[in-house]
């Protein structure tokens, strides 16, 4: 049974707070980027093509402060500052998903906030900088973009398919190319956007029929996974504990294209689930 503190009214209050915080932090980060002069982003390398900026750190602090001021009993896990990786009453946050895009002025980046309780993602909220819109979902309650319900695509013909593929340098580029080629030869068009949270909400709103990436961290995917599921997409991913500890793959797709993407589930040893 869900602890009393996380009854529906408590979840709703957290979702409303996360929506407000994501919108404000996202708009502040966008304004900061527009006004930034050379050198003021203070870009640091965490690894090859893996960057962090002062905007990431400011955004994460603003999210942490905004949520924990209202819900001090909750725990927090952020990409930049770390934190507790438990699954009971925990916020899991990527303050700017798509930092490389953000640095270079490519508009596909976002703010990703998920709330976990035990073995469930209860809340997913993503600010989409390209549209200046907030996507959100509460488990069992549907998926929304600025309050309007959204749905995954009903595509069944691969020749009309649009897919988004992510790639991490932690995985094989040859495998990425082979998968791209296989889907391309089935007639699908494809994109690589560089922001998993944004790729997942594109599936949720029916713009794309697939988002697939072989390795992500939990903060990259959890909010987008819930939003995609609640919009009617099917999703395959490891269990929450494994994701929190080690990251892993994610596959989100429109249900009508299931036969086209079954090989990806087999490749990763996953079973897809839906709302």
Protein backbone atom coordinates (compact mmCIF):
# COMPACT_ATOMS: atom_id res chain seq x y z
CA UNK A 1 0.00 0.00 0.00
CA UNK A 2 1.21 3.52 -0.82
CA UNK A 3 2.29 5.48 2.28
CA UNK A 4 -0.34 7.99 3.45
CA UNK A 5 1.91 10.92 2.63
CA UNK A 6 1.62 9.97 -1.04
CA UNK A 7 -2.15 9.84 -1.30
CA UNK A 8 -3.63 11.34 -4.51
CA UNK A 9 -3.75 14.86 -3.09
CA UNK A 10 -0.08 14.68 -2.10
CA UNK A 11 0.89 13.46 -5.56
CA UNK A 12 -1.22 16.18 -7.20
CA UNK A 13 0.43 18.86 -5.06
CA UNK A 14 3.87 17.61 -6.06
CA UNK A 15 2.93 17.51 -9.73
CA UNK A 16 1.66 21.08 -9.65
CA UNK A 17 4.84 22.22 -7.89
CA UNK A 18 7.05 20.39 -10.39
CA UNK A 19 5.20 21.97 -13.33
CA UNK A 20 5.68 25.46 -11.88
CA UNK A 21 9.34 24.86 -11.10
CA UNK A 22 10.13 23.28 -14.47
CA UNK A 23 8.52 26.13 -16.39
CA UNK A 24 10.25 28.84 -14.37
CA UNK A 25 13.66 27.17 -14.37
CA UNK A 26 13.40 26.36 -18.08
CA UNK A 27 12.51 29.91 -19.01
CA UNK A 28 15.24 31.30 -16.77
CA UNK A 29 17.81 28.99 -18.41
CA UNK A 30 16.62 29.99 -21.89
CA UNK A 31 16.87 33.68 -21.01
CA UNK A 32 20.33 33.16 -19.49
CA UNK A 33 21.50 31.44 -22.69
CA UNK A 34 20.14 34.24 -24.89
CA UNK A 35 21.88 36.88 -22.81
CA UNK A 36 25.12 34.98 -22.21
CA UNK A 37 28.33 36.51 -23.48
CA UNK A 38 31.44 34.58 -24.48
CA UNK A 39 32.80 32.63 -21.53
CA UNK A 40 29.89 33.30 -19.17
CA UNK A 41 28.46 29.78 -19.54
CA UNK A 42 31.65 28.45 -17.86
CA UNK A 43 31.58 25.18 -19.81
CA UNK A 44 33.41 22.28 -18.15
CA UNK A 45 34.11 18.82 -19.56
CA UNK A 46 32.89 15.84 -17.54
CA UNK A 47 34.06 13.52 -20.32
CA UNK A 48 34.29 13.36 -24.10
CA UNK A 49 31.34 15.37 -25.48
CA UNK A 50 29.89 15.47 -21.93
CA UNK A 51 29.59 19.01 -20.64
CA UNK A 52 28.24 20.96 -17.70
CA UNK A 53 27.66 24.71 -17.49
CA UNK A 54 26.96 27.22 -14.76
CA UNK A 55 23.38 27.18 -16.07
CA UNK A 56 23.05 23.44 -15.29
CA UNK A 57 24.22 24.01 -11.72
CA UNK A 58 22.02 27.06 -11.19
CA UNK A 59 19.01 25.23 -12.63
CA UNK A 60 19.51 22.17 -10.44
CA UNK A 61 19.86 24.30 -7.32
CA UNK A 62 16.68 26.19 -8.21
CA UNK A 63 14.78 22.93 -8.74
CA UNK A 64 16.08 21.40 -5.53
CA UNK A 65 15.33 24.50 -3.48
CA UNK A 66 11.91 24.98 -5.05
CA UNK A 67 10.75 21.41 -4.45
CA UNK A 68 12.33 20.68 -1.08
CA UNK A 69 11.16 23.99 0.39
CA UNK A 70 7.60 22.77 -0.18
CA UNK A 71 8.23 19.07 0.47
CA UNK A 72 11.16 18.89 2.91
CA UNK A 73 10.54 15.22 3.72
CA UNK A 74 11.34 14.19 0.13
CA UNK A 75 14.79 13.18 -1.10
CA UNK A 76 16.54 14.46 -4.20
CA UNK A 77 18.83 12.99 -6.84
CA UNK A 78 20.24 15.32 -9.48
CA UNK A 79 22.61 14.82 -12.39
CA UNK A 80 25.01 17.51 -11.20
CA UNK A 81 24.82 17.34 -7.40
CA UNK A 82 24.04 13.65 -6.87
CA UNK A 83 22.01 12.74 -3.83
CA UNK A 84 20.05 9.80 -2.54
CA UNK A 85 19.21 7.18 -5.16
CA UNK A 86 16.36 5.49 -3.30
CA UNK A 87 12.95 4.96 -4.85
CA UNK A 88 10.66 6.08 -2.00
CA UNK A 89 9.64 9.73 -2.21
CA UNK A 90 12.56 10.76 -4.41
CA UNK A 91 12.86 13.49 -7.04
CA UNK A 92 15.14 12.51 -9.94
CA UNK A 93 16.20 15.53 -11.96
CA UNK A 94 18.15 16.50 -15.04
CA UNK A 95 18.27 20.31 -14.89
CA UNK A 96 19.20 20.68 -18.57
CA UNK A 97 18.86 17.55 -20.67
CA UNK A 98 20.71 18.23 -23.90
CA UNK A 99 23.46 20.41 -22.46
CA UNK A 100 25.53 20.26 -25.66
CA UNK A 101 22.52 21.53 -27.62
CA UNK A 102 22.03 24.26 -25.02
CA UNK A 103 25.65 25.38 -25.24
CA UNK A 104 25.62 25.60 -29.03
CA UNK A 105 22.23 27.30 -29.29
CA UNK A 106 20.45 24.24 -30.73
CA UNK A 107 16.93 24.50 -29.35
CA UNK A 108 16.27 20.84 -28.49
CA UNK A 109 16.89 20.75 -24.74
CA UNK A 110 14.68 20.58 -21.69
CA UNK A 111 14.25 20.33 -17.93
CA UNK A 112 13.33 16.83 -16.70
CA UNK A 113 11.77 16.14 -13.29
CA UNK A 114 10.49 12.75 -12.11
CA UNK A 115 9.07 11.74 -8.73
CA UNK A 116 9.42 8.13 -7.57
CA UNK A 117 7.59 6.17 -4.92
CA UNK A 118 8.79 2.63 -4.28
CA UNK A 119 8.78 0.83 -7.65
CA UNK A 120 6.72 3.41 -9.54
CA UNK A 121 7.34 6.64 -11.39
CA UNK A 122 4.48 8.70 -9.98
CA UNK A 123 5.11 12.03 -11.74
CA UNK A 124 6.92 13.07 -14.89
CA UNK A 125 7.39 16.72 -15.88
CA UNK A 126 9.45 18.05 -18.79
CA UNK A 127 9.90 21.64 -19.92
CA UNK A 128 10.44 21.65 -23.70
CA UNK A 129 12.54 24.68 -24.67
CA UNK A 130 11.75 24.36 -28.38
CA UNK A 131 8.03 24.89 -27.77
CA UNK A 132 8.17 26.75 -24.43
CA UNK A 133 5.67 24.17 -23.18
CA UNK A 134 5.49 21.85 -20.18
CA UNK A 135 4.60 18.19 -20.62
CA UNK A 136 3.45 16.24 -17.60
CA UNK A 137 1.90 13.00 -16.43
CA UNK A 138 0.71 11.50 -13.17
CA UNK A 139 0.65 7.72 -13.11
CA UNK A 140 -2.77 6.51 -14.27
CA UNK A 141 -3.97 9.97 -15.25
CA UNK A 142 -3.00 10.48 -18.89
CA UNK A 143 -0.38 12.75 -20.46
CA UNK A 144 -0.65 16.46 -21.11
CA UNK A 145 1.05 19.39 -22.84
CA UNK A 146 0.20 22.65 -21.09
CA UNK A 147 -2.98 21.02 -19.79
CA UNK A 148 -4.17 19.56 -23.11
CA UNK A 149 -4.21 15.77 -23.36
CA UNK A 150 -1.76 14.21 -25.81
CA UNK A 151 -1.60 10.79 -27.43
CA UNK A 152 1.01 8.64 -29.13
CA UNK A 153 0.74 8.22 -32.90
CA UNK A 154 -1.44 5.56 -34.51
CA UNK A 155 1.04 4.84 -37.30
CA UNK A 156 1.07 1.28 -38.63
CA UNK A 157 2.89 1.66 -41.96
CA UNK A 158 6.70 1.77 -41.59
CA UNK A 159 6.96 3.83 -44.78
CA UNK A 160 5.19 6.60 -42.86
CA UNK A 161 7.25 6.12 -39.71
CA UNK A 162 9.39 8.74 -38.01
CA UNK A 163 11.93 7.57 -35.46
CA UNK A 164 14.40 9.26 -33.13
CA UNK A 165 17.56 7.39 -32.17
CA UNK A 166 19.88 8.44 -29.40
CA UNK A 167 23.50 7.41 -29.09
CA UNK A 168 25.89 7.38 -26.16
CA UNK A 169 29.65 7.03 -26.46
CA UNK A 170 29.32 4.35 -23.80
CA UNK A 171 27.86 2.09 -26.50
CA UNK A 172 28.93 0.85 -29.93
CA UNK A 173 28.61 3.27 -32.84
CA UNK A 174 28.68 0.33 -35.24
CA UNK A 175 25.58 -1.08 -33.52
CA UNK A 176 23.90 2.32 -33.75
CA UNK A 177 24.62 2.47 -37.47
CA UNK A 178 23.35 -1.07 -38.03
CA UNK A 179 20.08 -0.35 -36.25
CA UNK A 180 19.67 2.92 -38.13
CA UNK A 181 20.24 1.12 -41.42
CA UNK A 182 17.76 -1.64 -40.61
CA UNK A 183 14.99 0.81 -39.75
CA UNK A 184 15.84 3.04 -42.70
CA UNK A 185 15.57 0.08 -45.06
CA UNK A 186 12.08 -0.58 -43.68
CA UNK A 187 11.12 2.85 -45.01
CA UNK A 188 11.34 4.92 -41.84
CA UNK A 189 12.83 8.39 -41.60
CA UNK A 190 14.98 9.13 -38.58
CA UNK A 191 16.50 11.90 -36.49
CA UNK A 192 19.07 12.25 -33.73
CA UNK A 193 18.26 15.14 -31.41
CA UNK A 194 20.76 14.81 -28.55
CA UNK A 195 18.21 15.02 -25.72
CA UNK A 196 16.46 11.87 -24.53
CA UNK A 197 13.77 13.68 -22.56
CA UNK A 198 12.75 15.59 -25.68
CA UNK A 199 12.84 12.46 -27.84
CA UNK A 200 10.50 10.69 -25.42
CA UNK A 201 7.94 13.48 -25.38
CA UNK A 202 8.01 13.56 -29.18
CA UNK A 203 6.78 9.96 -29.03
CA UNK A 204 4.21 10.96 -26.41
CA UNK A 205 2.73 13.73 -28.56
CA UNK A 206 2.68 11.60 -31.70
CA UNK A 207 5.43 13.41 -33.61
CA UNK A 208 7.70 10.33 -33.63
CA UNK A 209 6.92 6.61 -33.56
CA UNK A 210 10.04 5.49 -31.69
CA UNK A 211 12.67 6.73 -29.30
CA UNK A 212 15.51 4.29 -28.65
CA UNK A 213 18.86 4.64 -26.92
CA UNK A 214 21.09 1.87 -25.65
CA UNK A 215 22.32 3.60 -22.50
CA UNK A 216 20.93 6.49 -20.49
CA UNK A 217 21.08 7.56 -16.89
CA UNK A 218 17.90 7.51 -14.82
CA UNK A 219 17.54 11.30 -14.79
CA UNK A 220 17.59 11.36 -18.61
CA UNK A 221 14.62 9.07 -19.08
CA UNK A 222 12.29 8.63 -16.09
CA UNK A 223 10.04 11.65 -16.59
CA UNK A 224 9.80 11.05 -20.33
CA UNK A 225 9.06 7.34 -19.86
CA UNK A 226 6.00 8.06 -17.72
CA UNK A 227 4.73 10.75 -20.09
CA UNK A 228 5.13 8.42 -23.08
CA UNK A 229 3.37 5.55 -21.31
CA UNK A 230 0.49 7.72 -20.17
CA UNK A 231 0.10 8.98 -23.75
CA UNK A 232 -0.42 5.39 -24.92
CA UNK A 233 3.09 4.47 -26.07
CA UNK A 234 4.67 1.17 -25.15
CA UNK A 235 7.93 1.33 -23.21
CA UNK A 236 10.71 -1.13 -22.47
CA UNK A 237 13.36 -0.36 -19.86
CA UNK A 238 15.16 -2.06 -16.94
CA UNK A 239 13.76 -1.95 -13.41
CA UNK A 240 13.99 1.28 -11.43
CA UNK A 241 16.67 0.04 -9.04
CA UNK A 242 18.93 -1.03 -11.92
CA UNK A 243 18.36 2.29 -13.69
CA UNK A 244 19.13 4.32 -10.60
CA UNK A 245 22.32 2.37 -9.96
CA UNK A 246 23.66 1.80 -13.46
CA UNK A 247 21.44 3.39 -16.11
CA UNK A 248 20.37 1.37 -19.12
CA UNK A 249 18.44 1.28 -22.41
CA UNK A 250 15.01 2.70 -23.19
CA UNK A 251 12.63 1.88 -26.02
CA UNK A 252 9.39 3.88 -26.41
CA UNK A 253 7.15 3.43 -29.42
CA UNK A 254 3.66 3.80 -30.81
CA UNK A 255 1.71 0.57 -30.32
CA UNK A 256 0.77 0.18 -33.98
CA UNK A 257 4.44 -0.26 -34.89
CA UNK A 258 5.15 -2.97 -32.34
CA UNK A 259 6.09 -5.62 -34.89
CA UNK A 260 8.69 -3.28 -36.40
CA UNK A 261 10.45 -2.66 -33.10
CA UNK A 262 10.22 -6.09 -31.44
CA UNK A 263 13.84 -6.83 -32.42
CA UNK A 264 15.01 -3.92 -30.24
CA UNK A 265 13.27 -5.40 -27.19
CA UNK A 266 14.89 -8.76 -27.96
CA UNK A 267 18.27 -7.09 -28.40
CA UNK A 268 18.07 -5.48 -24.97
CA UNK A 269 16.29 -8.38 -23.21
CA UNK A 270 13.31 -6.17 -22.30
CA UNK A 271 9.55 -6.55 -22.21
CA UNK A 272 7.43 -3.55 -23.19
CA UNK A 273 4.62 -2.28 -21.01
CA UNK A 274 1.97 0.40 -21.48
CA UNK A 275 -0.42 2.39 -19.35
